[in-house]
C-alpha cells in the first residue's frame, strides 16, 4: 500500500474593503471545492446556478447582494471549467434519508491539486 498525502493550507488576509482567502493543496491530482455559505437569501449574479441554492463560481467575478450591500467575489487560480462540485453525505446519513449538508445559499470555487486558489471578497 502506498501512502498518498494530501496537504491543505489556508490563509486569510483582511483588507480595507473585504478579505482574501488563499487555499493551497499539495498531493496527488484530485478535484477540490471550497464552499462559501451565505446567510439570508442574497441575489447572486455572475455565477452558474446548480439548483437548491448552490452556485458555481466561474472565471468572471460574481456579485452577491443582500440587505443593500453588494460583495464582489473574484477567483484567481480556480476555474469555472472544472466540474461542478458534488457532495454525498455518506451512508451514516443516507440510510436514514438524511444529510449533514449545509442549507441555504452556497457558492463553490473548484480547482485541482496540486494548486492554489485565491478568493477575493470586496464590498462595492
Foldseek 3Di string as FASTA:
>chain_A
DDDWDKDKDWDWDADPFGIKIKIAIATDKDKDKDKDADPDAWDKAQFDDPDQQETEHAQDWMWTDDPHWIKIKHKDWFHPPPDDDDDDQDPVAVVVPGHPDDHHHMYMTMDIPRTMMMITIGID
